[in-house]
Amino acid sequence: ASDASDDPFHKEQFKLAIKSVTSCTST
């Protein structure tokens, strides 16, 4: 979705949301 989006905001929002989920999962 981040790659497919044309909006820079959505690209970054998806990336940061992924980081949040993966960090919580690792913990």
mmCIF file of all heavy atoms, coordinates in Angstrom:
data_MODEL
# 
_entry.id   MODEL 
# 
loop_
_atom_site.group_PDB 
_atom_site.id 
_atom_site.type_symbol 
_atom_site.label_atom_id 
_atom_site.label_alt_id 
_atom_site.label_comp_id 
_atom_site.label_asym_id 
_atom_site.label_entity_id 
_atom_site.label_seq_id 
_atom_site.pdbx_PDB_ins_code 
_atom_site.Cartn_x 
_atom_site.Cartn_y 
_atom_site.Cartn_z 
_atom_site.occupancy 
_atom_site.B_iso_or_equiv 
_atom_site.pdbx_formal_charge 
_atom_site.auth_seq_id 
_atom_site.auth_comp_id 
_atom_site.auth_asym_id 
_atom_site.auth_atom_id 
_atom_site.pdbx_PDB_model_num 
ATOM 1   N N   . ALA A 1 1  ? 0.829  -1.207 0.000  1.00 0.00 ? 1  ALA A N   1 
ATOM 2   C CA  . ALA A 1 1  ? 0.000  0.000  0.000  1.00 0.00 ? 1  ALA A CA  1 
ATOM 3   C C   . ALA A 1 1  ? 0.861  1.254  0.000  1.00 0.00 ? 1  ALA A C   1 
ATOM 4   O O   . ALA A 1 1  ? 0.566  2.236  -0.697 1.00 0.00 ? 1  ALA A O   1 
ATOM 5   C CB  . ALA A 1 1  ? -0.934 -0.005 1.205  1.00 0.00 ? 1  ALA A CB  1 
ATOM 6   N N   . SER A 1 2  ? 1.942  1.236  0.771  1.00 0.00 ? 2  SER A N   1 
ATOM 7   C CA  . SER A 1 2  ? 2.843  2.383  0.804  1.00 0.00 ? 2  SER A CA  1 
ATOM 8   C C   . SER A 1 2  ? 3.461  2.627  -0.570 1.00 0.00 ? 2  SER A C   1 
ATOM 9   O O   . SER A 1 2  ? 3.539  3.768  -1.038 1.00 0.00 ? 2  SER A O   1 
ATOM 10  C CB  . SER A 1 2  ? 3.944  2.144  1.843  1.00 0.00 ? 2  SER A CB  1 
ATOM 11  O OG  . SER A 1 2  ? 4.855  3.218  1.862  1.00 0.00 ? 2  SER A OG  1 
ATOM 12  N N   . ASP A 1 3  ? 3.870  1.546  -1.221 1.00 0.00 ? 3  ASP A N   1 
ATOM 13  C CA  . ASP A 1 3  ? 4.469  1.677  -2.555 1.00 0.00 ? 3  ASP A CA  1 
ATOM 14  C C   . ASP A 1 3  ? 3.457  2.149  -3.595 1.00 0.00 ? 3  ASP A C   1 
ATOM 15  O O   . ASP A 1 3  ? 3.802  2.890  -4.519 1.00 0.00 ? 3  ASP A O   1 
ATOM 16  C CB  . ASP A 1 3  ? 5.061  0.337  -3.001 1.00 0.00 ? 3  ASP A CB  1 
ATOM 17  C CG  . ASP A 1 3  ? 6.253  -0.089 -2.152 1.00 0.00 ? 3  ASP A CG  1 
ATOM 18  O OD1 . ASP A 1 3  ? 6.839  0.795  -1.499 1.00 0.00 ? 3  ASP A OD1 1 
ATOM 19  O OD2 . ASP A 1 3  ? 6.572  -1.293 -2.138 1.00 0.00 ? 3  ASP A OD2 1 
ATOM 20  N N   . ALA A 1 4  ? 2.194  1.718  -3.425 1.00 0.00 ? 4  ALA A N   1 
ATOM 21  C CA  . ALA A 1 4  ? 1.171  2.038  -4.418 1.00 0.00 ? 4  ALA A CA  1 
ATOM 22  C C   . ALA A 1 4  ? 0.586  3.437  -4.254 1.00 0.00 ? 4  ALA A C   1 
ATOM 23  O O   . ALA A 1 4  ? 0.031  4.001  -5.194 1.00 0.00 ? 4  ALA A O   1 
ATOM 24  C CB  . ALA A 1 4  ? 0.039  1.012  -4.353 1.00 0.00 ? 4  ALA A CB  1 
ATOM 25  N N   . SER A 1 5  ? 0.735  4.008  -3.065 1.00 0.00 ? 5  SER A N   1 
ATOM 26  C CA  . SER A 1 5  ? 0.138  5.317  -2.813 1.00 0.00 ? 5  SER A CA  1 
ATOM 27  C C   . SER A 1 5  ? 0.913  6.434  -3.514 1.00 0.00 ? 5  SER A C   1 
ATOM 28  O O   . SER A 1 5  ? 2.151  6.413  -3.575 1.00 0.00 ? 5  SER A O   1 
ATOM 29  C CB  . SER A 1 5  ? 0.095  5.593  -1.307 1.00 0.00 ? 5  SER A CB  1 
ATOM 30  O OG  . SER A 1 5  ? -0.421 6.884  -1.043 1.00 0.00 ? 5  SER A OG  1 
ATOM 31  N N   . ASP A 1 6  ? 0.186  7.417  -4.013 1.00 0.00 ? 6  ASP A N   1 
ATOM 32  C CA  . ASP A 1 6  ? 0.813  8.579  -4.649 1.00 0.00 ? 6  ASP A CA  1 
ATOM 33  C C   . ASP A 1 6  ? 1.017  9.729  -3.665 1.00 0.00 ? 6  ASP A C   1 
ATOM 34  O O   . ASP A 1 6  ? 1.650  10.726 -3.997 1.00 0.00 ? 6  ASP A O   1 
ATOM 35  C CB  . ASP A 1 6  ? -0.065 9.069  -5.812 1.00 0.00 ? 6  ASP A CB  1 
ATOM 36  C CG  . ASP A 1 6  ? -0.166 8.044  -6.925 1.00 0.00 ? 6  ASP A CG  1 
ATOM 37  O OD1 . ASP A 1 6  ? 0.818  7.318  -7.139 1.00 0.00 ? 6  ASP A OD1 1 
ATOM 38  O OD2 . ASP A 1 6  ? -1.241 7.962  -7.565 1.00 0.00 ? 6  ASP A OD2 1 
ATOM 39  N N   . ASP A 1 7  ? 0.459  9.576  -2.468 1.00 0.00 ? 7  ASP A N   1 
ATOM 40  C CA  . ASP A 1 7  ? 0.509  10.640 -1.465 1.00 0.00 ? 7  ASP A CA  1 
ATOM 41  C C   . ASP A 1 7  ? 1.706  10.412 -0.539 1.00 0.00 ? 7  ASP A C   1 
ATOM 42  O O   . ASP A 1 7  ? 1.787  9.378  0.141  1.00 0.00 ? 7  ASP A O   1 
ATOM 43  C CB  . ASP A 1 7  ? -0.795 10.650 -0.665 1.00 0.00 ? 7  ASP A CB  1 
ATOM 44  C CG  . ASP A 1 7  ? -0.915 11.848 0.251  1.00 0.00 ? 7  ASP A CG  1 
ATOM 45  O OD1 . ASP A 1 7  ? 0.106  12.259 0.833  1.00 0.00 ? 7  ASP A OD1 1 
ATOM 46  O OD2 . ASP A 1 7  ? -2.046 12.369 0.399  1.00 0.00 ? 7  ASP A OD2 1 
ATOM 47  N N   . PRO A 1 8  ? 2.652  11.349 -0.468 1.00 0.00 ? 8  PRO A N   1 
ATOM 48  C CA  . PRO A 1 8  ? 3.830  11.188 0.412  1.00 0.00 ? 8  PRO A CA  1 
ATOM 49  C C   . PRO A 1 8  ? 3.452  10.958 1.876  1.00 0.00 ? 8  PRO A C   1 
ATOM 50  O O   . PRO A 1 8  ? 4.142  10.210 2.580  1.00 0.00 ? 8  PRO A O   1 
ATOM 51  C CB  . PRO A 1 8  ? 4.582  12.510 0.244  1.00 0.00 ? 8  PRO A CB  1 
ATOM 52  C CG  . PRO A 1 8  ? 4.149  13.020 -1.091 1.00 0.00 ? 8  PRO A CG  1 
ATOM 53  C CD  . PRO A 1 8  ? 2.721  12.603 -1.251 1.00 0.00 ? 8  PRO A CD  1 
ATOM 54  N N   . PHE A 1 9  ? 2.366  11.599 2.327  1.00 0.00 ? 9  PHE A N   1 
ATOM 55  C CA  . PHE A 1 9  ? 1.925  11.408 3.710  1.00 0.00 ? 9  PHE A CA  1 
ATOM 56  C C   . PHE A 1 9  ? 1.559  9.951  3.961  1.00 0.00 ? 9  PHE A C   1 
ATOM 57  O O   . PHE A 1 9  ? 1.986  9.343  4.950  1.00 0.00 ? 9  PHE A O   1 
ATOM 58  C CB  . PHE A 1 9  ? 0.722  12.297 4.027  1.00 0.00 ? 9  PHE A CB  1 
ATOM 59  C CG  . PHE A 1 9  ? 0.011  11.907 5.298  1.00 0.00 ? 9  PHE A CG  1 
ATOM 60  C CD1 . PHE A 1 9  ? 0.537  12.260 6.527  1.00 0.00 ? 9  PHE A CD1 1 
ATOM 61  C CD2 . PHE A 1 9  ? -1.166 11.165 5.258  1.00 0.00 ? 9  PHE A CD2 1 
ATOM 62  C CE1 . PHE A 1 9  ? -0.111 11.887 7.704  1.00 0.00 ? 9  PHE A CE1 1 
ATOM 63  C CE2 . PHE A 1 9  ? -1.810 10.782 6.417  1.00 0.00 ? 9  PHE A CE2 1 
ATOM 64  C CZ  . PHE A 1 9  ? -1.281 11.152 7.651  1.00 0.00 ? 9  PHE A CZ  1 
ATOM 65  N N   . HIS A 1 10 ? 0.740  9.368  3.072  1.00 0.00 ? 10 HIS A N   1 
ATOM 66  C CA  . HIS A 1 10 ? 0.310  7.980  3.253  1.00 0.00 ? 10 HIS A CA  1 
ATOM 67  C C   . HIS A 1 10 ? 1.488  7.015  3.144  1.00 0.00 ? 10 HIS A C   1 
ATOM 68  O O   . HIS A 1 10 ? 1.556  6.010  3.872  1.00 0.00 ? 10 HIS A O   1 
ATOM 69  C CB  . HIS A 1 10 ? -0.762 7.620  2.226  1.00 0.00 ? 10 HIS A CB  1 
ATOM 70  C CG  . HIS A 1 10 ? -2.071 8.305  2.467  1.00 0.00 ? 10 HIS A CG  1 
ATOM 71  N ND1 . HIS A 1 10 ? -2.694 8.290  3.698  1.00 0.00 ? 10 HIS A ND1 1 
ATOM 72  C CD2 . HIS A 1 10 ? -2.893 9.018  1.637  1.00 0.00 ? 10 HIS A CD2 1 
ATOM 73  C CE1 . HIS A 1 10 ? -3.835 8.970  3.628  1.00 0.00 ? 10 HIS A CE1 1 
ATOM 74  N NE2 . HIS A 1 10 ? -3.967 9.417  2.388  1.00 0.00 ? 10 HIS A NE2 1 
ATOM 75  N N   . LYS A 1 11 ? 2.422  7.304  2.247  1.00 0.00 ? 11 LYS A N   1 
ATOM 76  C CA  . LYS A 1 11 ? 3.610  6.451  2.144  1.00 0.00 ? 11 LYS A CA  1 
ATOM 77  C C   . LYS A 1 11 ? 4.344  6.372  3.481  1.00 0.00 ? 11 LYS A C   1 
ATOM 78  O O   . LYS A 1 11 ? 4.713  5.304  3.951  1.00 0.00 ? 11 LYS A O   1 
ATOM 79  C CB  . LYS A 1 11 ? 4.557  7.012  1.065  1.00 0.00 ? 11 LYS A CB  1 
ATOM 80  C CG  . LYS A 1 11 ? 4.124  6.729  -0.368 1.00 0.00 ? 11 LYS A CG  1 
ATOM 81  C CD  . LYS A 1 11 ? 5.155  7.310  -1.337 1.00 0.00 ? 11 LYS A CD  1 
ATOM 82  C CE  . LYS A 1 11 ? 4.826  6.973  -2.772 1.00 0.00 ? 11 LYS A CE  1 
ATOM 83  N NZ  . LYS A 1 11 ? 4.951  5.521  -3.053 1.00 0.00 ? 11 LYS A NZ  1 
ATOM 84  N N   . GLU A 1 12 ? 4.540  7.542  4.088  1.00 0.00 ? 12 GLU A N   1 
ATOM 85  C CA  . GLU A 1 12 ? 5.269  7.595  5.349  1.00 0.00 ? 12 GLU A CA  1 
ATOM 86  C C   . GLU A 1 12 ? 4.447  7.020  6.503  1.00 0.00 ? 12 GLU A C   1 
ATOM 87  O O   . GLU A 1 12 ? 4.989  6.340  7.387  1.00 0.00 ? 12 GLU A O   1 
ATOM 88  C CB  . GLU A 1 12 ? 5.656  9.042  5.655  1.00 0.00 ? 12 GLU A CB  1 
ATOM 89  C CG  . GLU A 1 12 ? 6.580  9.215  6.864  1.00 0.00 ? 12 GLU A CG  1 
ATOM 90  C CD  . GLU A 1 12 ? 7.954  8.579  6.640  1.00 0.00 ? 12 GLU A CD  1 
ATOM 91  O OE1 . GLU A 1 12 ? 8.316  8.314  5.470  1.00 0.00 ? 12 GLU A OE1 1 
ATOM 92  O OE2 . GLU A 1 12 ? 8.662  8.357  7.632  1.00 0.00 ? 12 GLU A OE2 1 
ATOM 93  N N   . GLN A 1 13 ? 3.127  7.287  6.499  1.00 0.00 ? 13 GLN A N   1 
ATOM 94  C CA  . GLN A 1 13 ? 2.269  6.792  7.577  1.00 0.00 ? 13 GLN A CA  1 
ATOM 95  C C   . GLN A 1 13 ? 2.253  5.269  7.611  1.00 0.00 ? 13 GLN A C   1 
ATOM 96  O O   . GLN A 1 13 ? 2.332  4.650  8.683  1.00 0.00 ? 13 GLN A O   1 
ATOM 97  C CB  . GLN A 1 13 ? 0.839  7.319  7.392  1.00 0.00 ? 13 GLN A CB  1 
ATOM 98  C CG  . GLN A 1 13 ? -0.099 7.012  8.558  1.00 0.00 ? 13 GLN A CG  1 
ATOM 99  C CD  . GLN A 1 13 ? 0.212  7.862  9.774  1.00 0.00 ? 13 GLN A CD  1 
ATOM 100 O OE1 . GLN A 1 13 ? -0.039 9.061  9.788  1.00 0.00 ? 13 GLN A OE1 1 
ATOM 101 N NE2 . GLN A 1 13 ? 0.776  7.251  10.795 1.00 0.00 ? 13 GLN A NE2 1 
ATOM 102 N N   . PHE A 1 14 ? 2.150  4.639  6.459  1.00 0.00 ? 14 PHE A N   1 
ATOM 103 C CA  . PHE A 1 14 ? 2.190  3.178  6.409  1.00 0.00 ? 14 PHE A CA  1 
ATOM 104 C C   . PHE A 1 14 ? 3.524  2.655  6.935  1.00 0.00 ? 14 PHE A C   1 
ATOM 105 O O   . PHE A 1 14 ? 3.569  1.686  7.708  1.00 0.00 ? 14 PHE A O   1 
ATOM 106 C CB  . PHE A 1 14 ? 1.957  2.677  4.975  1.00 0.00 ? 14 PHE A CB  1 
ATOM 107 C CG  . PHE A 1 14 ? 0.515  2.525  4.608  1.00 0.00 ? 14 PHE A CG  1 
ATOM 108 C CD1 . PHE A 1 14 ? -0.052 3.318  3.610  1.00 0.00 ? 14 PHE A CD1 1 
ATOM 109 C CD2 . PHE A 1 14 ? -0.288 1.581  5.235  1.00 0.00 ? 14 PHE A CD2 1 
ATOM 110 C CE1 . PHE A 1 14 ? -1.394 3.173  3.265  1.00 0.00 ? 14 PHE A CE1 1 
ATOM 111 C CE2 . PHE A 1 14 ? -1.624 1.430  4.898  1.00 0.00 ? 14 PHE A CE2 1 
ATOM 112 C CZ  . PHE A 1 14 ? -2.173 2.228  3.902  1.00 0.00 ? 14 PHE A CZ  1 
ATOM 113 N N   . LYS A 1 15 ? 4.620  3.280  6.539  1.00 0.00 ? 15 LYS A N   1 
ATOM 114 C CA  . LYS A 1 15 ? 5.944  2.821  6.971  1.00 0.00 ? 15 LYS A CA  1 
ATOM 115 C C   . LYS A 1 15 ? 6.098  2.910  8.490  1.00 0.00 ? 15 LYS A C   1 
ATOM 116 O O   . LYS A 1 15 ? 6.607  1.986  9.138  1.00 0.00 ? 15 LYS A O   1 
ATOM 117 C CB  . LYS A 1 15 ? 7.031  3.642  6.284  1.00 0.00 ? 15 LYS A CB  1 
ATOM 118 C CG  . LYS A 1 15 ? 7.168  3.363  4.792  1.00 0.00 ? 15 LYS A CG  1 
ATOM 119 C CD  . LYS A 1 15 ? 8.223  4.269  4.162  1.00 0.00 ? 15 LYS A CD  1 
ATOM 120 C CE  . LYS A 1 15 ? 8.344  4.025  2.661  1.00 0.00 ? 15 LYS A CE  1 
ATOM 121 N NZ  . LYS A 1 15 ? 9.335  4.932  2.020  1.00 0.00 ? 15 LYS A NZ  1 
ATOM 122 N N   . LEU A 1 16 ? 5.648  4.023  9.064  1.00 0.00 ? 16 LEU A N   1 
ATOM 123 C CA  . LEU A 1 16 ? 5.769  4.201  10.512 1.00 0.00 ? 16 LEU A CA  1 
ATOM 124 C C   . LEU A 1 16 ? 4.845  3.249  11.264 1.00 0.00 ? 16 LEU A C   1 
ATOM 125 O O   . LEU A 1 16 ? 5.201  2.738  12.341 1.00 0.00 ? 16 LEU A O   1 
ATOM 126 C CB  . LEU A 1 16 ? 5.462  5.652  10.879 1.00 0.00 ? 16 LEU A CB  1 
ATOM 127 C CG  . LEU A 1 16 ? 6.488  6.680  10.393 1.00 0.00 ? 16 LEU A CG  1 
ATOM 128 C CD1 . LEU A 1 16 ? 6.008  8.095  10.705 1.00 0.00 ? 16 LEU A CD1 1 
ATOM 129 C CD2 . LEU A 1 16 ? 7.853  6.421  11.026 1.00 0.00 ? 16 LEU A CD2 1 
ATOM 130 N N   . ALA A 1 17 ? 3.652  2.991  10.716 1.00 0.00 ? 17 ALA A N   1 
ATOM 131 C CA  . ALA A 1 17 ? 2.721  2.059  11.353 1.00 0.00 ? 17 ALA A CA  1 
ATOM 132 C C   . ALA A 1 17 ? 3.309  0.650  11.367 1.00 0.00 ? 17 ALA A C   1 
ATOM 133 O O   . ALA A 1 17 ? 3.168  -0.097 12.347 1.00 0.00 ? 17 ALA A O   1 
ATOM 134 C CB  . ALA A 1 17 ? 1.384  2.073  10.625 1.00 0.00 ? 17 ALA A CB  1 
ATOM 135 N N   . ILE A 1 18 ? 3.982  0.290  10.280 1.00 0.00 ? 18 ILE A N   1 
ATOM 136 C CA  . ILE A 1 18 ? 4.640  -1.018 10.218 1.00 0.00 ? 18 ILE A CA  1 
ATOM 137 C C   . ILE A 1 18 ? 5.722  -1.122 11.286 1.00 0.00 ? 18 ILE A C   1 
ATOM 138 O O   . ILE A 1 18 ? 5.849  -2.138 11.983 1.00 0.00 ? 18 ILE A O   1 
ATOM 139 C CB  . ILE A 1 18 ? 5.253  -1.247 8.820  1.00 0.00 ? 18 ILE A CB  1 
ATOM 140 C CG1 . ILE A 1 18 ? 4.155  -1.396 7.769  1.00 0.00 ? 18 ILE A CG1 1 
ATOM 141 C CG2 . ILE A 1 18 ? 6.132  -2.502 8.824  1.00 0.00 ? 18 ILE A CG2 1 
ATOM 142 C CD1 . ILE A 1 18 ? 4.691  -1.401 6.343  1.00 0.00 ? 18 ILE A CD1 1 
ATOM 143 N N   . LYS A 1 19 ? 6.527  -0.065 11.430 1.00 0.00 ? 19 LYS A N   1 
ATOM 144 C CA  . LYS A 1 19 ? 7.587  -0.070 12.440 1.00 0.00 ? 19 LYS A CA  1 
ATOM 145 C C   . LYS A 1 19 ? 7.010  -0.249 13.841 1.00 0.00 ? 19 LYS A C   1 
ATOM 146 O O   . LYS A 1 19 ? 7.572  -0.971 14.670 1.00 0.00 ? 19 LYS A O   1 
ATOM 147 C CB  . LYS A 1 19 ? 8.381  1.238  12.373 1.00 0.00 ? 19 LYS A CB  1 
ATOM 148 C CG  . LYS A 1 19 ? 9.302  1.345  11.166 1.00 0.00 ? 19 LYS A CG  1 
ATOM 149 C CD  . LYS A 1 19 ? 10.088 2.649  11.207 1.00 0.00 ? 19 LYS A CD  1 
ATOM 150 C CE  . LYS A 1 19 ? 11.014 2.772  10.007 1.00 0.00 ? 19 LYS A CE  1 
ATOM 151 N NZ  . LYS A 1 19 ? 11.777 4.046  10.027 1.00 0.00 ? 19 LYS A NZ  1 
ATOM 152 N N   . SER A 1 20 ? 5.891  0.410  14.105 1.00 0.00 ? 20 SER A N   1 
ATOM 153 C CA  . SER A 1 20 ? 5.260  0.302  15.417 1.00 0.00 ? 20 SER A CA  1 
ATOM 154 C C   . SER A 1 20 ? 4.825  -1.129 15.702 1.00 0.00 ? 20 SER A C   1 
ATOM 155 O O   . SER A 1 20 ? 5.083  -1.681 16.778 1.00 0.00 ? 20 SER A O   1 
ATOM 156 C CB  . SER A 1 20 ? 4.049  1.244  15.488 1.00 0.00 ? 20 SER A CB  1 
ATOM 157 O OG  . SER A 1 20 ? 3.354  1.088  16.708 1.00 0.00 ? 20 SER A OG  1 
ATOM 158 N N   . VAL A 1 21 ? 4.171  -1.763 14.717 1.00 0.00 ? 21 VAL A N   1 
ATOM 159 C CA  . VAL A 1 21 ? 3.683  -3.131 14.893 1.00 0.00 ? 21 VAL A CA  1 
ATOM 160 C C   . VAL A 1 21 ? 4.842  -4.111 15.045 1.00 0.00 ? 21 VAL A C   1 
ATOM 161 O O   . VAL A 1 21 ? 4.834  -4.985 15.930 1.00 0.00 ? 21 VAL A O   1 
ATOM 162 C CB  . VAL A 1 21 ? 2.771  -3.539 13.715 1.00 0.00 ? 21 VAL A CB  1 
ATOM 163 C CG1 . VAL A 1 21 ? 2.452  -5.022 13.777 1.00 0.00 ? 21 VAL A CG1 1 
ATOM 164 C CG2 . VAL A 1 21 ? 1.486  -2.720 13.731 1.00 0.00 ? 21 VAL A CG2 1 
ATOM 165 N N   . THR A 1 22 ? 5.848  -3.986 14.193 1.00 0.00 ? 22 THR A N   1 
ATOM 166 C CA  . THR A 1 22 ? 6.970  -4.934 14.254 1.00 0.00 ? 22 THR A CA  1 
ATOM 167 C C   . THR A 1 22 ? 7.771  -4.780 15.544 1.00 0.00 ? 22 THR A C   1 
ATOM 168 O O   . THR A 1 22 ? 8.255  -5.765 16.106 1.00 0.00 ? 22 THR A O   1 
ATOM 169 C CB  . THR A 1 22 ? 7.909  -4.750 13.038 1.00 0.00 ? 22 THR A CB  1 
ATOM 170 O OG1 . THR A 1 22 ? 8.298  -3.377 12.936 1.00 0.00 ? 22 THR A OG1 1 
ATOM 171 C CG2 . THR A 1 22 ? 7.210  -5.155 11.755 1.00 0.00 ? 22 THR A CG2 1 
ATOM 172 N N   . SER A 1 23 ? 7.898  -3.557 16.022 1.00 0.00 ? 23 SER A N   1 
ATOM 173 C CA  . SER A 1 23 ? 8.606  -3.334 17.282 1.00 0.00 ? 23 SER A CA  1 
ATOM 174 C C   . SER A 1 23 ? 7.861  -3.983 18.452 1.00 0.00 ? 23 SER A C   1 
ATOM 175 O O   . SER A 1 23 ? 8.467  -4.660 19.292 1.00 0.00 ? 23 SER A O   1 
ATOM 176 C CB  . SER A 1 23 ? 8.770  -1.828 17.530 1.00 0.00 ? 23 SER A CB  1 
ATOM 177 O OG  . SER A 1 23 ? 9.376  -1.592 18.783 1.00 0.00 ? 23 SER A OG  1 
ATOM 178 N N   . CYS A 1 24 ? 6.544  -3.792 18.495 1.00 0.00 ? 24 CYS A N   1 
ATOM 179 C CA  . CYS A 1 24 ? 5.735  -4.404 19.560 1.00 0.00 ? 24 CYS A CA  1 
ATOM 180 C C   . CYS A 1 24 ? 5.772  -5.924 19.473 1.00 0.00 ? 24 CYS A C   1 
ATOM 181 O O   . CYS A 1 24 ? 5.816  -6.619 20.494 1.00 0.00 ? 24 CYS A O   1 
ATOM 182 C CB  . CYS A 1 24 ? 4.293  -3.914 19.473 1.00 0.00 ? 24 CYS A CB  1 
ATOM 183 S SG  . CYS A 1 24 ? 4.058  -2.176 19.913 1.00 0.00 ? 24 CYS A SG  1 
ATOM 184 N N   . THR A 1 25 ? 5.775  -6.454 18.247 1.00 0.00 ? 25 THR A N   1 
ATOM 185 C CA  . THR A 1 25 ? 5.834  -7.902 18.062 1.00 0.00 ? 25 THR A CA  1 
ATOM 186 C C   . THR A 1 25 ? 7.151  -8.460 18.565 1.00 0.00 ? 25 THR A C   1 
ATOM 187 O O   . THR A 1 25 ? 7.191  -9.489 19.245 1.00 0.00 ? 25 THR A O   1 
ATOM 188 C CB  . THR A 1 25 ? 5.642  -8.265 16.570 1.00 0.00 ? 25 THR A CB  1 
ATOM 189 O OG1 . THR A 1 25 ? 4.414  -7.740 16.105 1.00 0.00 ? 25 THR A OG1 1 
ATOM 190 C CG2 . THR A 1 25 ? 5.645  -9.778 16.392 1.00 0.00 ? 25 THR A CG2 1 
ATOM 191 N N   . SER A 1 26 ? 8.249  -7.811 18.241 1.00 0.00 ? 26 SER A N   1 
ATOM 192 C CA  . SER A 1 26 ? 9.565  -8.270 18.690 1.00 0.00 ? 26 SER A CA  1 
ATOM 193 C C   . SER A 1 26 ? 9.647  -8.307 20.206 1.00 0.00 ? 26 SER A C   1 
ATOM 194 O O   . SER A 1 26 ? 10.197 -9.247 20.800 1.00 0.00 ? 26 SER A O   1 
ATOM 195 C CB  . SER A 1 26 ? 10.655 -7.350 18.127 1.00 0.00 ? 26 SER A CB  1 
ATOM 196 O OG  . SER A 1 26 ? 10.675 -7.395 16.720 1.00 0.00 ? 26 SER A OG  1 
ATOM 197 N N   . THR A 1 27 ? 9.092  -7.296 20.852 1.00 0.00 ? 27 THR A N   1 
ATOM 198 C CA  . THR A 1 27 ? 9.105  -7.239 22.314 1.00 0.00 ? 27 THR A CA  1 
ATOM 199 C C   . THR A 1 27 ? 8.313  -8.391 22.908 1.00 0.00 ? 27 THR A C   1 
ATOM 200 O O   . THR A 1 27 ? 8.751  -9.037 23.877 1.00 0.00 ? 27 THR A O   1 
ATOM 201 C CB  . THR A 1 27 ? 8.520  -5.900 22.797 1.00 0.00 ? 27 THR A CB  1 
ATOM 202 O OG1 . THR A 1 27 ? 9.212  -4.825 22.172 1.00 0.00 ? 27 THR A OG1 1 
ATOM 203 C CG2 . THR A 1 27 ? 8.649  -5.772 24.307 1.00 0.00 ? 27 THR A CG2 1 
# 
